[in-house]
Amino acid sequence: MLTVAVVPVGQERLRITPTPGHTREFREHLIDALDSVWNQLGIKRTSAWAAEGGFIGVGVKGKQPEAPLWTDAQLEVDNVLKELKAGQGATGVLEAVLENERKATAQAVAAAA
């Protein structure tokens, strides 16, 4: 059986799953590259959707977060976060990008209220 999923234009999502085998340098390069492409193409971030009142669950005021399928420990994200917080050679790029986006989204959701 063949299943075809059609996603309306504007509702596409990009999902990237780095594995624990990717080095810190690879992860940082990926974040820098994605940030650069998003900026160059003017792709909306969560904060932009929140400022517009949200769209398909992104930036929607009062939306409860979905329960994660896996824990940070299972994905070994907890180790990466420990490295970032300890400053063991990490540049902090990922942490800074995520923190800036969290703040911008919170501000946009509050302003839209």
N, C-alpha and C. Protein backbone atom coordinates (compact mmCIF):
# COMPACT_ATOMS: atom_id res chain seq x y z
N MET A 1 0.84 -1.17 0.00
CA MET A 1 0.00 0.00 0.00
C MET A 1 0.89 1.24 0.00
N LEU A 2 0.55 2.19 -0.82
CA LEU A 2 1.30 3.44 -0.91
C LEU A 2 0.47 4.55 -0.27
N THR A 3 1.07 5.27 0.66
CA THR A 3 0.38 6.39 1.30
C THR A 3 1.08 7.66 0.90
N VAL A 4 0.31 8.63 0.45
CA VAL A 4 0.87 9.91 0.05
C VAL A 4 0.26 10.98 0.95
N ALA A 5 1.11 11.78 1.57
CA ALA A 5 0.63 12.87 2.40
C ALA A 5 0.84 14.18 1.65
N VAL A 6 -0.19 14.98 1.59
CA VAL A 6 -0.10 16.27 0.92
C VAL A 6 -0.19 17.34 2.00
N VAL A 7 0.77 18.22 2.00
CA VAL A 7 0.82 19.30 2.98
C VAL A 7 0.58 20.60 2.23
N PRO A 8 -0.39 21.39 2.68
CA PRO A 8 -0.67 22.66 2.02
C PRO A 8 0.55 23.59 2.05
N VAL A 9 0.67 24.41 1.02
CA VAL A 9 1.75 25.39 0.95
C VAL A 9 1.67 26.29 2.17
N GLY A 10 2.79 26.53 2.79
CA GLY A 10 2.85 27.37 3.98
C GLY A 10 2.79 26.57 5.26
N GLN A 11 2.45 25.29 5.16
CA GLN A 11 2.37 24.46 6.36
C GLN A 11 3.45 23.38 6.39
N GLU A 12 4.42 23.50 5.48
CA GLU A 12 5.49 22.53 5.43
C GLU A 12 6.33 22.65 6.69
N ARG A 13 6.95 21.56 7.07
CA ARG A 13 7.85 21.56 8.22
C ARG A 13 9.12 20.82 7.86
N LEU A 14 10.21 21.34 8.35
CA LEU A 14 11.50 20.71 8.15
C LEU A 14 11.89 20.06 9.47
N ARG A 15 12.16 18.80 9.43
CA ARG A 15 12.56 18.08 10.64
C ARG A 15 13.96 17.53 10.44
N ILE A 16 14.82 17.87 11.36
CA ILE A 16 16.20 17.42 11.30
C ILE A 16 16.50 16.66 12.58
N THR A 17 17.12 15.50 12.44
CA THR A 17 17.42 14.68 13.60
C THR A 17 18.90 14.35 13.65
N PRO A 18 19.69 15.23 14.27
CA PRO A 18 21.10 14.88 14.44
C PRO A 18 21.21 13.71 15.42
N THR A 19 22.18 12.89 15.24
CA THR A 19 22.37 11.74 16.12
C THR A 19 23.52 12.03 17.08
N PRO A 20 23.63 11.24 18.14
CA PRO A 20 24.73 11.45 19.09
C PRO A 20 26.11 11.32 18.44
N GLY A 21 26.17 10.68 17.27
CA GLY A 21 27.44 10.53 16.58
C GLY A 21 27.94 11.80 15.91
N HIS A 22 27.08 12.80 15.79
CA HIS A 22 27.51 14.06 15.20
C HIS A 22 28.32 14.84 16.22
N THR A 23 29.47 15.29 15.82
CA THR A 23 30.35 16.01 16.74
C THR A 23 29.80 17.39 17.06
N ARG A 24 30.35 17.98 18.09
CA ARG A 24 29.96 19.33 18.49
C ARG A 24 30.14 20.30 17.32
N GLU A 25 31.24 20.15 16.60
CA GLU A 25 31.51 21.04 15.47
C GLU A 25 30.44 20.90 14.38
N PHE A 26 30.00 19.66 14.11
CA PHE A 26 28.95 19.44 13.13
C PHE A 26 27.65 20.10 13.58
N ARG A 27 27.32 19.94 14.88
CA ARG A 27 26.09 20.53 15.40
C ARG A 27 26.12 22.04 15.30
N GLU A 28 27.23 22.63 15.67
CA GLU A 28 27.35 24.09 15.62
C GLU A 28 27.29 24.60 14.17
N HIS A 29 27.91 23.85 13.26
CA HIS A 29 27.88 24.23 11.85
C HIS A 29 26.43 24.16 11.33
N LEU A 30 25.69 23.15 11.73
CA LEU A 30 24.30 23.00 11.32
C LEU A 30 23.47 24.19 11.81
N ILE A 31 23.62 24.56 13.06
CA ILE A 31 22.87 25.70 13.62
C ILE A 31 23.22 26.98 12.89
N ASP A 32 24.50 27.22 12.66
CA ASP A 32 24.93 28.42 11.93
C ASP A 32 24.34 28.44 10.52
N ALA A 33 24.37 27.29 9.84
CA ALA A 33 23.87 27.21 8.48
C ALA A 33 22.36 27.45 8.43
N LEU A 34 21.62 26.82 9.33
CA LEU A 34 20.17 27.02 9.35
C LEU A 34 19.82 28.47 9.67
N ASP A 35 20.50 29.05 10.64
CA ASP A 35 20.26 30.44 11.01
C ASP A 35 20.51 31.35 9.81
N SER A 36 21.58 31.10 9.10
CA SER A 36 21.93 31.90 7.93
C SER A 36 20.87 31.78 6.83
N VAL A 37 20.43 30.57 6.56
CA VAL A 37 19.42 30.35 5.51
C VAL A 37 18.10 31.00 5.91
N TRP A 38 17.68 30.82 7.17
CA TRP A 38 16.43 31.43 7.63
C TRP A 38 16.49 32.95 7.46
N ASN A 39 17.62 33.56 7.83
CA ASN A 39 17.78 35.01 7.70
C ASN A 39 17.78 35.43 6.23
N GLN A 40 18.54 34.72 5.41
CA GLN A 40 18.66 35.08 3.99
C GLN A 40 17.32 34.98 3.27
N LEU A 41 16.54 33.95 3.57
CA LEU A 41 15.27 33.73 2.87
C LEU A 41 14.09 34.39 3.57
N GLY A 42 14.32 34.96 4.75
CA GLY A 42 13.24 35.61 5.47
C GLY A 42 12.17 34.64 5.95
N ILE A 43 12.58 33.43 6.30
CA ILE A 43 11.63 32.42 6.78
C ILE A 43 11.18 32.81 8.18
N LYS A 44 9.87 32.76 8.40
CA LYS A 44 9.32 33.15 9.70
C LYS A 44 9.77 32.19 10.78
N ARG A 45 10.06 32.77 11.92
CA ARG A 45 10.40 31.99 13.11
C ARG A 45 9.19 31.96 14.03
N THR A 46 9.27 31.18 15.07
CA THR A 46 8.15 31.05 16.00
C THR A 46 7.68 32.41 16.49
N SER A 47 8.62 33.30 16.79
CA SER A 47 8.26 34.63 17.31
C SER A 47 7.46 35.42 16.28
N ALA A 48 7.77 35.29 15.01
CA ALA A 48 7.01 35.99 13.97
C ALA A 48 5.58 35.45 13.88
N TRP A 49 5.44 34.12 13.95
CA TRP A 49 4.10 33.53 13.93
C TRP A 49 3.32 33.98 15.16
N ALA A 50 3.96 34.02 16.32
CA ALA A 50 3.29 34.43 17.55
C ALA A 50 2.81 35.88 17.44
N ALA A 51 3.63 36.74 16.84
CA ALA A 51 3.26 38.15 16.68
C ALA A 51 2.02 38.30 15.79
N GLU A 52 1.80 37.34 14.90
CA GLU A 52 0.64 37.37 14.01
C GLU A 52 -0.54 36.59 14.58
N GLY A 53 -0.40 36.11 15.81
CA GLY A 53 -1.50 35.36 16.43
C GLY A 53 -1.39 33.87 16.28
N GLY A 54 -0.30 33.39 15.70
CA GLY A 54 -0.06 31.96 15.59
C GLY A 54 -0.61 31.36 14.30
N PHE A 55 -0.11 30.17 13.99
CA PHE A 55 -0.53 29.46 12.78
C PHE A 55 -0.24 27.98 12.95
N ILE A 56 -1.23 27.17 12.72
CA ILE A 56 -1.17 25.71 12.85
C ILE A 56 -0.41 25.26 14.10
N GLY A 57 -0.71 25.92 15.21
CA GLY A 57 -0.12 25.53 16.49
C GLY A 57 1.20 26.18 16.80
N VAL A 58 1.77 26.93 15.88
CA VAL A 58 3.06 27.59 16.12
C VAL A 58 2.78 29.01 16.59
N GLY A 59 3.25 29.32 17.80
CA GLY A 59 3.07 30.67 18.33
C GLY A 59 1.65 30.97 18.76
N VAL A 60 0.84 29.94 18.99
CA VAL A 60 -0.55 30.13 19.40
C VAL A 60 -0.60 30.30 20.91
N LYS A 61 -1.22 31.42 21.36
CA LYS A 61 -1.33 31.71 22.78
C LYS A 61 -2.10 30.60 23.50
N GLY A 62 -1.56 30.16 24.62
CA GLY A 62 -2.22 29.16 25.45
C GLY A 62 -2.14 27.74 24.96
N LYS A 63 -1.47 27.50 23.83
CA LYS A 63 -1.36 26.13 23.32
C LYS A 63 -0.46 25.32 24.24
N GLN A 64 -0.96 24.21 24.68
CA GLN A 64 -0.18 23.33 25.54
C GLN A 64 0.85 22.58 24.72
N PRO A 65 2.09 22.51 25.20
CA PRO A 65 3.10 21.77 24.44
C PRO A 65 2.77 20.28 24.38
N GLU A 66 3.12 19.69 23.26
CA GLU A 66 2.92 18.25 23.09
C GLU A 66 3.91 17.50 23.98
N ALA A 67 3.48 16.38 24.49
CA ALA A 67 4.39 15.56 25.29
C ALA A 67 5.46 15.00 24.37
N PRO A 68 6.74 15.08 24.78
CA PRO A 68 7.80 14.55 23.91
C PRO A 68 7.72 13.03 23.81
N LEU A 69 8.12 12.53 22.63
CA LEU A 69 8.14 11.09 22.43
C LEU A 69 9.30 10.44 23.18
N TRP A 70 10.41 11.18 23.29
CA TRP A 70 11.59 10.65 23.96
C TRP A 70 12.08 11.68 24.96
N THR A 71 12.77 11.21 25.97
CA THR A 71 13.33 12.11 26.96
C THR A 71 14.67 12.65 26.45
N ASP A 72 15.12 13.75 27.07
CA ASP A 72 16.43 14.29 26.73
C ASP A 72 17.53 13.25 26.97
N ALA A 73 17.36 12.47 28.02
CA ALA A 73 18.37 11.44 28.32
C ALA A 73 18.42 10.38 27.22
N GLN A 74 17.25 9.97 26.71
CA GLN A 74 17.22 8.98 25.64
C GLN A 74 17.88 9.51 24.38
N LEU A 75 17.71 10.79 24.11
CA LEU A 75 18.31 11.40 22.92
C LEU A 75 19.73 11.89 23.19
N GLU A 76 20.16 11.76 24.42
CA GLU A 76 21.48 12.22 24.87
C GLU A 76 21.62 13.73 24.74
N VAL A 77 20.48 14.43 24.73
CA VAL A 77 20.49 15.89 24.70
C VAL A 77 21.01 16.42 26.02
N ASP A 78 20.73 15.70 27.10
CA ASP A 78 21.18 16.16 28.41
C ASP A 78 22.70 16.30 28.46
N ASN A 79 23.42 15.41 27.78
CA ASN A 79 24.88 15.51 27.73
C ASN A 79 25.33 16.76 26.98
N VAL A 80 24.66 17.05 25.87
CA VAL A 80 24.99 18.24 25.08
C VAL A 80 24.73 19.49 25.90
N LEU A 81 23.58 19.52 26.59
CA LEU A 81 23.26 20.69 27.41
C LEU A 81 24.27 20.88 28.53
N LYS A 82 24.70 19.79 29.13
CA LYS A 82 25.73 19.88 30.17
C LYS A 82 27.02 20.46 29.61
N GLU A 83 27.40 20.02 28.41
CA GLU A 83 28.61 20.55 27.76
C GLU A 83 28.48 22.04 27.50
N LEU A 84 27.31 22.44 26.98
CA LEU A 84 27.09 23.85 26.69
C LEU A 84 27.18 24.70 27.95
N LYS A 85 26.51 24.23 29.01
CA LYS A 85 26.49 24.99 30.25
C LYS A 85 27.87 25.02 30.91
N ALA A 86 28.63 23.96 30.76
CA ALA A 86 29.96 23.90 31.35
C ALA A 86 30.98 24.68 30.52
N GLY A 87 30.60 25.01 29.28
CA GLY A 87 31.50 25.76 28.41
C GLY A 87 32.70 24.96 27.97
N GLN A 88 32.55 23.67 27.85
CA GLN A 88 33.65 22.79 27.47
C GLN A 88 33.89 22.86 25.97
N GLY A 89 34.41 24.00 25.53
CA GLY A 89 34.74 24.14 24.12
C GLY A 89 33.55 24.52 23.25
N ALA A 90 32.36 24.57 23.81
CA ALA A 90 31.19 24.93 23.01
C ALA A 90 31.12 26.44 22.86
N THR A 91 30.68 26.88 21.71
CA THR A 91 30.60 28.31 21.46
C THR A 91 29.34 28.91 22.04
N GLY A 92 28.37 28.10 22.34
CA GLY A 92 27.12 28.61 22.88
C GLY A 92 26.19 29.15 21.82
N VAL A 93 26.50 28.93 20.56
CA VAL A 93 25.67 29.44 19.47
C VAL A 93 24.25 28.88 19.58
N LEU A 94 24.12 27.58 19.72
CA LEU A 94 22.81 26.96 19.81
C LEU A 94 22.04 27.51 20.98
N GLU A 95 22.66 27.56 22.13
CA GLU A 95 21.99 28.04 23.34
C GLU A 95 21.53 29.48 23.15
N ALA A 96 22.36 30.32 22.58
CA ALA A 96 22.01 31.73 22.36
C ALA A 96 20.86 31.88 21.38
N VAL A 97 20.89 31.12 20.28
CA VAL A 97 19.83 31.19 19.27
C VAL A 97 18.50 30.76 19.89
N LEU A 98 18.52 29.66 20.62
CA LEU A 98 17.29 29.16 21.23
C LEU A 98 16.76 30.13 22.29
N GLU A 99 17.62 30.68 23.10
CA GLU A 99 17.19 31.61 24.15
C GLU A 99 16.61 32.88 23.54
N ASN A 100 17.25 33.41 22.50
CA ASN A 100 16.72 34.59 21.82
C ASN A 100 15.34 34.32 21.23
N GLU A 101 15.17 33.16 20.64
CA GLU A 101 13.87 32.82 20.04
C GLU A 101 12.82 32.62 21.12
N ARG A 102 13.18 32.00 22.25
CA ARG A 102 12.22 31.84 23.35
C ARG A 102 11.73 33.20 23.84
N LYS A 103 12.66 34.13 24.04
CA LYS A 103 12.30 35.47 24.52
C LYS A 103 11.43 36.20 23.50
N ALA A 104 11.81 36.15 22.23
CA ALA A 104 11.04 36.84 21.19
C ALA A 104 9.64 36.26 21.07
N THR A 105 9.52 34.95 21.18
CA THR A 105 8.20 34.31 21.09
C THR A 105 7.34 34.71 22.28
N ALA A 106 7.90 34.69 23.47
CA ALA A 106 7.15 35.07 24.66
C ALA A 106 6.67 36.52 24.56
N GLN A 107 7.53 37.41 24.08
CA GLN A 107 7.16 38.81 23.93
C GLN A 107 6.05 38.97 22.88
N ALA A 108 6.16 38.24 21.78
CA ALA A 108 5.15 38.34 20.72
C ALA A 108 3.81 37.79 21.18
N VAL A 109 3.82 36.70 21.94
CA VAL A 109 2.57 36.12 22.46
C VAL A 109 1.93 37.09 23.44
N ALA A 110 2.74 37.72 24.31
CA ALA A 110 2.21 38.68 25.27
C ALA A 110 1.64 39.91 24.56
N ALA A 111 2.30 40.37 23.52
CA ALA A 111 1.83 41.55 22.78
C ALA A 111 0.55 41.27 22.01
N ALA A 112 0.38 40.03 21.55
CA ALA A 112 -0.81 39.67 20.78
C ALA A 112 -2.02 39.49 21.68
N ALA A 113 -1.80 39.39 22.99
CA ALA A 113 -2.91 39.14 23.94
C ALA A 113 -3.79 40.36 24.13
